[in-house]
Amino acid sequence: MSEIPTHSHDDTPDPQAIEELRSQLAAADPAVIVANHCYGLFELAAVYLSSQPPKATEAQVAIDALAAIVETLGDRLGEASGPLSDALAQIRLAWVQLSAAPPAP
């Protein structure tokens, strides 16, 4: 996707730029767009889990959202289905391991 300015000089939304973005989005494969959002949820969970101390409750929200999408859509996510299922299993395992660990002194 090319970079398109979304605001004119007076800082109001540029209708032509917005329409161009909408056209590009409408032409894109929805499975790819949803998969990209899933990778974002994975990263969000990883950020929470890598915080000191880990934020397990916050991570669980992102993990549950990722699971809801991946498990519901399955193969409809196309080529990303397998890697996303693996990523979900990996982040769930990390959550379990961190949740079971004793708190740091």
Protein backbone atom coordinates (compact mmCIF):
# COMPACT_ATOMS: atom_id res chain seq x y z
CA MET A 1 0.00 0.00 0.00
CA SER A 2 1.26 3.43 -0.83
CA GLU A 3 1.38 6.14 1.79
CA ILE A 4 -1.52 8.52 1.37
CA PRO A 5 -1.97 11.71 3.38
CA THR A 6 -5.15 11.52 5.44
CA HIS A 7 -5.35 15.19 6.37
CA SER A 8 -5.35 18.39 4.38
CA HIS A 9 -3.47 21.51 5.47
CA ASP A 10 -6.24 22.64 7.81
CA ASP A 11 -6.10 19.29 9.67
CA THR A 12 -9.50 18.08 8.50
CA PRO A 13 -9.82 14.62 6.95
CA ASP A 14 -9.14 14.61 3.21
CA PRO A 15 -12.19 12.88 1.66
CA GLN A 16 -10.25 11.88 -1.46
CA ALA A 17 -7.47 10.27 0.58
CA ILE A 18 -9.99 8.46 2.76
CA GLU A 19 -11.80 7.15 -0.32
CA GLU A 20 -8.48 5.92 -1.77
CA LEU A 21 -7.72 4.08 1.47
CA ARG A 22 -11.20 2.55 1.48
CA SER A 23 -10.70 1.37 -2.11
CA GLN A 24 -7.37 -0.24 -1.26
CA LEU A 25 -8.88 -1.93 1.78
CA ALA A 26 -11.86 -3.23 -0.23
CA ALA A 27 -9.47 -4.75 -2.79
CA ALA A 28 -7.40 -6.57 -0.15
CA ASP A 29 -7.86 -10.20 0.88
CA PRO A 30 -9.79 -10.11 4.19
CA ALA A 31 -7.97 -13.22 5.44
CA VAL A 32 -4.67 -11.34 5.17
CA ILE A 33 -6.03 -8.30 7.00
CA VAL A 34 -7.53 -10.40 9.81
CA ALA A 35 -4.31 -12.45 10.08
CA ASN A 36 -2.31 -9.24 10.48
CA HIS A 37 -4.58 -8.21 13.33
CA CYS A 38 -4.06 -11.64 14.88
CA TYR A 39 -0.30 -11.17 14.82
CA GLY A 40 -0.89 -7.84 16.56
CA LEU A 41 -2.87 -9.61 19.30
CA PHE A 42 -0.05 -12.13 19.68
CA GLU A 43 2.47 -9.30 20.06
CA LEU A 44 0.22 -7.52 22.56
CA ALA A 45 0.03 -10.65 24.71
CA ALA A 46 3.80 -11.08 24.46
CA VAL A 47 4.35 -7.49 25.61
CA TYR A 48 2.18 -8.05 28.67
CA LEU A 49 3.85 -11.37 29.46
CA SER A 50 7.34 -9.88 29.15
CA SER A 51 6.53 -6.96 31.46
CA GLN A 52 8.17 -6.94 34.85
CA PRO A 53 6.23 -8.20 36.64
CA PRO A 54 4.27 -10.05 33.95
CA LYS A 55 0.72 -8.82 33.42
CA ALA A 56 -1.00 -12.19 33.08
CA THR A 57 -4.56 -10.87 33.34
CA GLU A 58 -3.99 -8.31 30.59
CA ALA A 59 -2.23 -10.91 28.44
CA GLN A 60 -5.15 -13.29 28.86
CA VAL A 61 -7.50 -10.78 27.20
CA ALA A 62 -5.28 -10.61 24.11
CA ILE A 63 -4.79 -14.39 24.10
CA ASP A 64 -8.53 -15.01 24.37
CA ALA A 65 -9.21 -12.56 21.54
CA LEU A 66 -6.59 -14.28 19.38
CA ALA A 67 -8.09 -17.69 20.21
CA ALA A 68 -11.59 -16.50 19.37
CA ILE A 69 -10.50 -15.47 15.90
CA VAL A 70 -8.11 -18.32 15.11
CA GLU A 71 -10.34 -21.10 16.45
CA THR A 72 -13.50 -19.70 14.89
CA LEU A 73 -12.10 -18.95 11.43
CA GLY A 74 -9.65 -21.85 11.17
CA ASP A 75 -8.81 -22.60 7.54
CA ARG A 76 -10.67 -19.50 6.39
CA LEU A 77 -7.53 -17.61 7.44
CA GLY A 78 -5.79 -19.19 4.45
CA GLU A 79 -2.03 -19.68 4.57
CA ALA A 80 -1.87 -17.97 7.97
CA SER A 81 -4.09 -20.60 9.62
CA GLY A 82 -1.27 -22.98 10.56
CA PRO A 83 1.22 -20.36 11.75
CA LEU A 84 -1.48 -18.60 13.76
CA SER A 85 -2.56 -21.85 15.41
CA ASP A 86 1.08 -22.48 16.32
CA ALA A 87 1.46 -18.93 17.64
CA LEU A 88 -1.67 -19.34 19.75
CA ALA A 89 -0.33 -22.58 21.26
CA GLN A 90 3.03 -20.91 21.94
CA ILE A 91 1.56 -17.85 23.68
CA ARG A 92 -0.81 -20.02 25.72
CA LEU A 93 2.14 -22.11 26.90
CA ALA A 94 4.07 -18.97 27.82
CA TRP A 95 1.06 -17.71 29.79
CA VAL A 96 0.77 -21.01 31.70
CA GLN A 97 4.49 -21.08 32.48
CA LEU A 98 4.55 -17.48 33.71
CA SER A 99 1.32 -17.87 35.66
CA ALA A 100 2.68 -20.96 37.45
CA ALA A 101 6.01 -19.33 38.31
CA PRO A 102 6.44 -17.99 41.82
CA PRO A 103 6.47 -14.19 42.04
CA ALA A 104 9.88 -12.57 41.92
CA PRO A 105 11.15 -11.29 45.30
